[in-house]
Amino acid sequence: GFNKDQHKLVFAEFSRLERGARMAQGLG
């Protein structure tokens, strides 16, 4: 999951939340 202030960030290109980046590979 993630907080409301991170909603826009998860839809941005090449952007991944720190915990998500640790769980799985990819470019976001």
PDB file of all heavy atoms in Angstrom:
ATOM      1  N   GLY A   1       0.809  -1.215   0.000  1.00  0.00           N
ATOM      2  CA  GLY A   1       0.000   0.000   0.000  1.00  0.00           C
ATOM      3  C   GLY A   1       0.845   1.270   0.000  1.00  0.00           C
ATOM      4  O   GLY A   1       2.076   1.224  -0.024  1.00  0.00           O
ATOM      5  N   PHE A   2       0.170   2.421   0.069  1.00  0.00           N
ATOM      6  CA  PHE A   2       0.876   3.702   0.106  1.00  0.00           C
ATOM      7  C   PHE A   2      -0.094   4.774   0.578  1.00  0.00           C
ATOM      8  O   PHE A   2      -1.311   4.579   0.614  1.00  0.00           O
ATOM      9  CB  PHE A   2       1.448   4.075  -1.261  1.00  0.00           C
ATOM     10  CG  PHE A   2       0.555   3.748  -2.421  1.00  0.00           C
ATOM     11  CD1 PHE A   2      -0.425   4.627  -2.820  1.00  0.00           C
ATOM     12  CD2 PHE A   2       0.688   2.546  -3.089  1.00  0.00           C
ATOM     13  CE1 PHE A   2      -1.261   4.326  -3.870  1.00  0.00           C
ATOM     14  CE2 PHE A   2      -0.134   2.240  -4.151  1.00  0.00           C
ATOM     15  CZ  PHE A   2      -1.125   3.130  -4.538  1.00  0.00           C
ATOM     16  N   ASN A   3       0.464   5.915   0.978  1.00  0.00           N
ATOM     17  CA  ASN A   3      -0.338   7.003   1.520  1.00  0.00           C
ATOM     18  C   ASN A   3      -0.948   7.854   0.407  1.00  0.00           C
ATOM     19  O   ASN A   3      -0.526   7.794  -0.742  1.00  0.00           O
ATOM     20  CB  ASN A   3       0.531   7.896   2.421  1.00  0.00           C
ATOM     21  CG  ASN A   3       0.987   7.154   3.663  1.00  0.00           C
ATOM     22  OD1 ASN A   3       0.253   6.344   4.215  1.00  0.00           O
ATOM     23  ND2 ASN A   3       2.214   7.415   4.095  1.00  0.00           N
ATOM     24  N   LYS A   4      -1.932   8.687   0.775  1.00  0.00           N
ATOM     25  CA  LYS A   4      -2.609   9.521  -0.213  1.00  0.00           C
ATOM     26  C   LYS A   4      -1.655  10.476  -0.909  1.00  0.00           C
ATOM     27  O   LYS A   4      -1.812  10.768  -2.093  1.00  0.00           O
ATOM     28  CB  LYS A   4      -3.738  10.308   0.449  1.00  0.00           C
ATOM     29  CG  LYS A   4      -4.983   9.468   0.735  1.00  0.00           C
ATOM     30  CD  LYS A   4      -6.133  10.337   1.206  1.00  0.00           C
ATOM     31  CE  LYS A   4      -7.401   9.506   1.376  1.00  0.00           C
ATOM     32  NZ  LYS A   4      -8.546  10.332   1.815  1.00  0.00           N
ATOM     33  N   ASP A   5      -0.656  10.994  -0.156  1.00  0.00           N
ATOM     34  CA  ASP A   5       0.263  11.949  -0.768  1.00  0.00           C
ATOM     35  C   ASP A   5       1.210  11.292  -1.764  1.00  0.00           C
ATOM     36  O   ASP A   5       1.992  11.967  -2.427  1.00  0.00           O
ATOM     37  CB  ASP A   5       1.067  12.689   0.295  1.00  0.00           C
ATOM     38  CG  ASP A   5       1.855  11.739   1.204  1.00  0.00           C
ATOM     39  OD1 ASP A   5       1.744  10.516   1.008  1.00  0.00           O
ATOM     40  OD2 ASP A   5       2.566  12.231   2.100  1.00  0.00           O
ATOM     41  N   GLN A   6       1.134   9.943  -1.898  1.00  0.00           N
ATOM     42  CA  GLN A   6       1.977   9.223  -2.851  1.00  0.00           C
ATOM     43  C   GLN A   6       1.195   8.766  -4.082  1.00  0.00           C
ATOM     44  O   GLN A   6       1.760   8.133  -4.959  1.00  0.00           O
ATOM     45  CB  GLN A   6       2.622   7.999  -2.177  1.00  0.00           C
ATOM     46  CG  GLN A   6       3.566   8.360  -1.037  1.00  0.00           C
ATOM     47  CD  GLN A   6       4.051   7.125  -0.290  1.00  0.00           C
ATOM     48  OE1 GLN A   6       3.266   6.218   0.004  1.00  0.00           O
ATOM     49  NE2 GLN A   6       5.325   7.083   0.012  1.00  0.00           N
ATOM     50  N   HIS A   7      -0.106   9.091  -4.152  1.00  0.00           N
ATOM     51  CA  HIS A   7      -0.945   8.616  -5.255  1.00  0.00           C
ATOM     52  C   HIS A   7      -0.407   9.074  -6.611  1.00  0.00           C
ATOM     53  O   HIS A   7      -0.311   8.287  -7.552  1.00  0.00           O
ATOM     54  CB  HIS A   7      -2.380   9.103  -5.070  1.00  0.00           C
ATOM     55  CG  HIS A   7      -3.133   8.290  -4.059  1.00  0.00           C
ATOM     56  ND1 HIS A   7      -4.504   8.319  -3.945  1.00  0.00           N
ATOM     57  CD2 HIS A   7      -2.708   7.411  -3.117  1.00  0.00           C
ATOM     58  CE1 HIS A   7      -4.887   7.505  -2.965  1.00  0.00           C
ATOM     59  NE2 HIS A   7      -3.804   6.964  -2.445  1.00  0.00           N
ATOM     60  N   LYS A   8      -0.077  10.372  -6.732  1.00  0.00           N
ATOM     61  CA  LYS A   8       0.423  10.867  -8.007  1.00  0.00           C
ATOM     62  C   LYS A   8       1.767  10.241  -8.352  1.00  0.00           C
ATOM     63  O   LYS A   8       2.066   9.985  -9.516  1.00  0.00           O
ATOM     64  CB  LYS A   8       0.546  12.393  -7.968  1.00  0.00           C
ATOM     65  CG  LYS A   8      -0.789  13.117  -7.925  1.00  0.00           C
ATOM     66  CD  LYS A   8      -0.589  14.627  -7.977  1.00  0.00           C
ATOM     67  CE  LYS A   8      -1.940  15.350  -7.977  1.00  0.00           C
ATOM     68  NZ  LYS A   8      -1.775  16.825  -8.016  1.00  0.00           N
ATOM     69  N   LEU A   9       2.576   9.984  -7.323  1.00  0.00           N
ATOM     70  CA  LEU A   9       3.919   9.449  -7.548  1.00  0.00           C
ATOM     71  C   LEU A   9       3.870   8.062  -8.168  1.00  0.00           C
ATOM     72  O   LEU A   9       4.683   7.736  -9.034  1.00  0.00           O
ATOM     73  CB  LEU A   9       4.684   9.413  -6.221  1.00  0.00           C
ATOM     74  CG  LEU A   9       6.177   9.080  -6.287  1.00  0.00           C
ATOM     75  CD1 LEU A   9       6.918  10.127  -7.101  1.00  0.00           C
ATOM     76  CD2 LEU A   9       6.766   8.984  -4.881  1.00  0.00           C
ATOM     77  N   VAL A  10       2.905   7.219  -7.765  1.00  0.00           N
ATOM     78  CA  VAL A  10       2.878   5.843  -8.273  1.00  0.00           C
ATOM     79  C   VAL A  10       2.521   5.778  -9.751  1.00  0.00           C
ATOM     80  O   VAL A  10       2.815   4.784 -10.418  1.00  0.00           O
ATOM     81  CB  VAL A  10       1.893   4.960  -7.466  1.00  0.00           C
ATOM     82  CG1 VAL A  10       2.285   4.886  -6.014  1.00  0.00           C
ATOM     83  CG2 VAL A  10       0.460   5.449  -7.610  1.00  0.00           C
ATOM     84  N   PHE A  11       1.883   6.836 -10.290  1.00  0.00           N
ATOM     85  CA  PHE A  11       1.518   6.846 -11.699  1.00  0.00           C
ATOM     86  C   PHE A  11       2.570   7.513 -12.580  1.00  0.00           C
ATOM     87  O   PHE A  11       2.422   7.540 -13.798  1.00  0.00           O
ATOM     88  CB  PHE A  11       0.176   7.558 -11.908  1.00  0.00           C
ATOM     89  CG  PHE A  11      -0.998   6.773 -11.406  1.00  0.00           C
ATOM     90  CD1 PHE A  11      -1.650   7.137 -10.245  1.00  0.00           C
ATOM     91  CD2 PHE A  11      -1.443   5.651 -12.092  1.00  0.00           C
ATOM     92  CE1 PHE A  11      -2.737   6.405  -9.775  1.00  0.00           C
ATOM     93  CE2 PHE A  11      -2.522   4.915 -11.630  1.00  0.00           C
ATOM     94  CZ  PHE A  11      -3.163   5.292 -10.471  1.00  0.00           C
ATOM     95  N   ALA A  12       3.633   8.051 -11.971  1.00  0.00           N
ATOM     96  CA  ALA A  12       4.660   8.742 -12.744  1.00  0.00           C
ATOM     97  C   ALA A  12       5.592   7.728 -13.400  1.00  0.00           C
ATOM     98  O   ALA A  12       5.879   6.664 -12.847  1.00  0.00           O
ATOM     99  CB  ALA A  12       5.457   9.689 -11.847  1.00  0.00           C
ATOM    100  N   GLU A  13       6.091   8.074 -14.607  1.00  0.00           N
ATOM    101  CA  GLU A  13       7.034   7.204 -15.310  1.00  0.00           C
ATOM    102  C   GLU A  13       8.336   7.096 -14.529  1.00  0.00           C
ATOM    103  O   GLU A  13       8.803   8.060 -13.932  1.00  0.00           O
ATOM    104  CB  GLU A  13       7.347   7.770 -16.693  1.00  0.00           C
ATOM    105  CG  GLU A  13       6.174   7.732 -17.645  1.00  0.00           C
ATOM    106  CD  GLU A  13       6.526   8.431 -18.941  1.00  0.00           C
ATOM    107  OE1 GLU A  13       7.719   8.594 -19.207  1.00  0.00           O
ATOM    108  OE2 GLU A  13       5.599   8.815 -19.664  1.00  0.00           O
ATOM    109  N   PHE A  14       8.941   5.915 -14.544  1.00  0.00           N
ATOM    110  CA  PHE A  14      10.236   5.658 -13.932  1.00  0.00           C
ATOM    111  C   PHE A  14      10.238   6.016 -12.451  1.00  0.00           C
ATOM    112  O   PHE A  14      11.276   6.337 -11.879  1.00  0.00           O
ATOM    113  CB  PHE A  14      11.351   6.446 -14.653  1.00  0.00           C
ATOM    114  CG  PHE A  14      11.351   6.258 -16.131  1.00  0.00           C
ATOM    115  CD1 PHE A  14      10.925   7.265 -16.975  1.00  0.00           C
ATOM    116  CD2 PHE A  14      11.743   5.057 -16.687  1.00  0.00           C
ATOM    117  CE1 PHE A  14      10.912   7.092 -18.350  1.00  0.00           C
ATOM    118  CE2 PHE A  14      11.723   4.869 -18.054  1.00  0.00           C
ATOM    119  CZ  PHE A  14      11.309   5.878 -18.877  1.00  0.00           C
ATOM    120  N   SER A  15       9.068   5.975 -11.821  1.00  0.00           N
ATOM    121  CA  SER A  15       8.972   6.330 -10.404  1.00  0.00           C
ATOM    122  C   SER A  15       8.473   5.128  -9.627  1.00  0.00           C
ATOM    123  O   SER A  15       7.460   4.519  -9.980  1.00  0.00           O
ATOM    124  CB  SER A  15       8.013   7.510 -10.223  1.00  0.00           C
ATOM    125  OG  SER A  15       7.838   7.801  -8.854  1.00  0.00           O
ATOM    126  N   ARG A  16       9.187   4.778  -8.559  1.00  0.00           N
ATOM    127  CA  ARG A  16       8.772   3.644  -7.733  1.00  0.00           C
ATOM    128  C   ARG A  16       8.988   4.018  -6.276  1.00  0.00           C
ATOM    129  O   ARG A  16       9.989   4.651  -5.920  1.00  0.00           O
ATOM    130  CB  ARG A  16       9.589   2.385  -8.081  1.00  0.00           C
ATOM    131  CG  ARG A  16       9.549   2.058  -9.555  1.00  0.00           C
ATOM    132  CD  ARG A  16      10.422   0.853  -9.852  1.00  0.00           C
ATOM    133  NE  ARG A  16       9.821  -0.371  -9.364  1.00  0.00           N
ATOM    134  CZ  ARG A  16      10.521  -1.411  -8.932  1.00  0.00           C
ATOM    135  NH1 ARG A  16      11.823  -1.360  -8.890  1.00  0.00           N
ATOM    136  NH2 ARG A  16       9.925  -2.500  -8.529  1.00  0.00           N
ATOM    137  N   LEU A  17       8.067   3.609  -5.416  1.00  0.00           N
ATOM    138  CA  LEU A  17       8.213   3.856  -3.997  1.00  0.00           C
ATOM    139  C   LEU A  17       9.345   2.994  -3.450  1.00  0.00           C
ATOM    140  O   LEU A  17       9.625   1.909  -3.946  1.00  0.00           O
ATOM    141  CB  LEU A  17       6.901   3.533  -3.272  1.00  0.00           C
ATOM    142  CG  LEU A  17       5.672   4.308  -3.779  1.00  0.00           C
ATOM    143  CD1 LEU A  17       4.464   3.959  -2.941  1.00  0.00           C
ATOM    144  CD2 LEU A  17       5.922   5.810  -3.752  1.00  0.00           C
ATOM    145  N   GLU A  18       9.999   3.509  -2.415  1.00  0.00           N
ATOM    146  CA  GLU A  18      11.221   2.858  -1.922  1.00  0.00           C
ATOM    147  C   GLU A  18      10.974   1.409  -1.527  1.00  0.00           C
ATOM    148  O   GLU A  18      11.735   0.514  -1.893  1.00  0.00           O
ATOM    149  CB  GLU A  18      11.756   3.652  -0.721  1.00  0.00           C
ATOM    150  CG  GLU A  18      13.041   3.062  -0.143  1.00  0.00           C
ATOM    151  CD  GLU A  18      13.556   3.871   1.033  1.00  0.00           C
ATOM    152  OE1 GLU A  18      13.003   4.961   1.286  1.00  0.00           O
ATOM    153  OE2 GLU A  18      14.485   3.402   1.701  1.00  0.00           O
ATOM    154  N   ARG A  19       9.898   1.146  -0.779  1.00  0.00           N
ATOM    155  CA  ARG A  19       9.651  -0.224  -0.339  1.00  0.00           C
ATOM    156  C   ARG A  19       9.322  -1.128  -1.514  1.00  0.00           C
ATOM    157  O   ARG A  19       9.736  -2.281  -1.571  1.00  0.00           O
ATOM    158  CB  ARG A  19       8.510  -0.240   0.683  1.00  0.00           C
ATOM    159  CG  ARG A  19       8.329  -1.611   1.337  1.00  0.00           C
ATOM    160  CD  ARG A  19       7.234  -1.587   2.373  1.00  0.00           C
ATOM    161  NE  ARG A  19       6.998  -2.914   2.923  1.00  0.00           N
ATOM    162  CZ  ARG A  19       5.974  -3.223   3.691  1.00  0.00           C
ATOM    163  NH1 ARG A  19       5.097  -2.295   4.025  1.00  0.00           N
ATOM    164  NH2 ARG A  19       5.818  -4.463   4.150  1.00  0.00           N
ATOM    165  N   GLY A  20       8.572  -0.587  -2.487  1.00  0.00           N
ATOM    166  CA  GLY A  20       8.241  -1.380  -3.669  1.00  0.00           C
ATOM    167  C   GLY A  20       9.469  -1.738  -4.473  1.00  0.00           C
ATOM    168  O   GLY A  20       9.585  -2.830  -5.020  1.00  0.00           O
ATOM    169  N   ALA A  21      10.425  -0.803  -4.568  1.00  0.00           N
ATOM    170  CA  ALA A  21      11.657  -1.054  -5.317  1.00  0.00           C
ATOM    171  C   ALA A  21      12.465  -2.174  -4.683  1.00  0.00           C
ATOM    172  O   ALA A  21      13.188  -2.897  -5.368  1.00  0.00           O
ATOM    173  CB  ALA A  21      12.485   0.228  -5.395  1.00  0.00           C
ATOM    174  N   ARG A  22      12.337  -2.318  -3.364  1.00  0.00           N
ATOM    175  CA  ARG A  22      13.063  -3.404  -2.691  1.00  0.00           C
ATOM    176  C   ARG A  22      12.397  -4.752  -2.920  1.00  0.00           C
ATOM    177  O   ARG A  22      13.047  -5.794  -2.843  1.00  0.00           O
ATOM    178  CB  ARG A  22      13.147  -3.128  -1.181  1.00  0.00           C
ATOM    179  CG  ARG A  22      14.004  -1.936  -0.804  1.00  0.00           C
ATOM    180  CD  ARG A  22      14.379  -1.992   0.674  1.00  0.00           C
ATOM    181  NE  ARG A  22      13.210  -1.984   1.530  1.00  0.00           N
ATOM    182  CZ  ARG A  22      12.683  -0.886   2.054  1.00  0.00           C
ATOM    183  NH1 ARG A  22      13.232   0.288   1.800  1.00  0.00           N
ATOM    184  NH2 ARG A  22      11.616  -0.946   2.834  1.00  0.00           N
ATOM    185  N   MET A  23      11.081  -4.757  -3.206  1.00  0.00           N
ATOM    186  CA  MET A  23      10.344  -6.014  -3.348  1.00  0.00           C
ATOM    187  C   MET A  23      10.421  -6.593  -4.751  1.00  0.00           C
ATOM    188  O   MET A  23      10.383  -7.804  -4.933  1.00  0.00           O
ATOM    189  CB  MET A  23       8.870  -5.813  -2.971  1.00  0.00           C
ATOM    190  CG  MET A  23       8.631  -5.585  -1.502  1.00  0.00           C
ATOM    191  SD  MET A  23       6.866  -5.521  -1.127  1.00  0.00           S
ATOM    192  CE  MET A  23       6.358  -7.205  -1.486  1.00  0.00           C
ATOM    193  N   ALA A  24      10.495  -5.745  -5.791  1.00  0.00           N
ATOM    194  CA  ALA A  24      10.425  -6.247  -7.169  1.00  0.00           C
ATOM    195  C   ALA A  24      11.234  -5.348  -8.084  1.00  0.00           C
ATOM    196  O   ALA A  24      11.365  -4.148  -7.856  1.00  0.00           O
ATOM    197  CB  ALA A  24       8.961  -6.300  -7.641  1.00  0.00           C
ATOM    198  N   GLN A  25      11.774  -5.970  -9.143  1.00  0.00           N
ATOM    199  CA  GLN A  25      12.531  -5.218 -10.129  1.00  0.00           C
ATOM    200  C   GLN A  25      11.587  -4.560 -11.134  1.00  0.00           C
ATOM    201  O   GLN A  25      10.435  -4.931 -11.252  1.00  0.00           O
ATOM    202  CB  GLN A  25      13.497  -6.143 -10.865  1.00  0.00           C
ATOM    203  CG  GLN A  25      14.552  -6.767  -9.957  1.00  0.00           C
ATOM    204  CD  GLN A  25      15.484  -7.667 -10.728  1.00  0.00           C
ATOM    205  OE1 GLN A  25      15.228  -8.017 -11.877  1.00  0.00           O
ATOM    206  NE2 GLN A  25      16.584  -8.049 -10.098  1.00  0.00           N
ATOM    207  N   GLY A  26      12.110  -3.594 -11.874  1.00  0.00           N
ATOM    208  CA  GLY A  26      11.311  -2.948 -12.909  1.00  0.00           C
ATOM    209  C   GLY A  26      11.645  -1.473 -13.011  1.00  0.00           C
ATOM    210  O   GLY A  26      12.450  -0.935 -12.253  1.00  0.00           O
ATOM    211  N   LEU A  27      10.991  -0.813 -13.961  1.00  0.00           N
ATOM    212  CA  LEU A  27      11.226   0.616 -14.184  1.00  0.00           C
ATOM    213  C   LEU A  27      10.062   1.471 -13.694  1.00  0.00           C
ATOM    214  O   LEU A  27      10.074   2.679 -13.842  1.00  0.00           O
ATOM    215  CB  LEU A  27      11.453   0.884 -15.685  1.00  0.00           C
ATOM    216  CG  LEU A  27      12.718   0.291 -16.290  1.00  0.00           C
ATOM    217  CD1 LEU A  27      12.794   0.647 -17.761  1.00  0.00           C
ATOM    218  CD2 LEU A  27      13.956   0.803 -15.568  1.00  0.00           C
ATOM    219  N   GLY A  28       9.029   0.859 -13.134  1.00  0.00           N
ATOM    220  CA  GLY A  28       7.901   1.648 -12.682  1.00  0.00           C
ATOM    221  C   GLY A  28       7.043   2.177 -13.808  1.00  0.00           C
ATOM    222  O   GLY A  28       6.540   3.294 -13.748  1.00  0.00           O
TER     223      GLY A  28
END
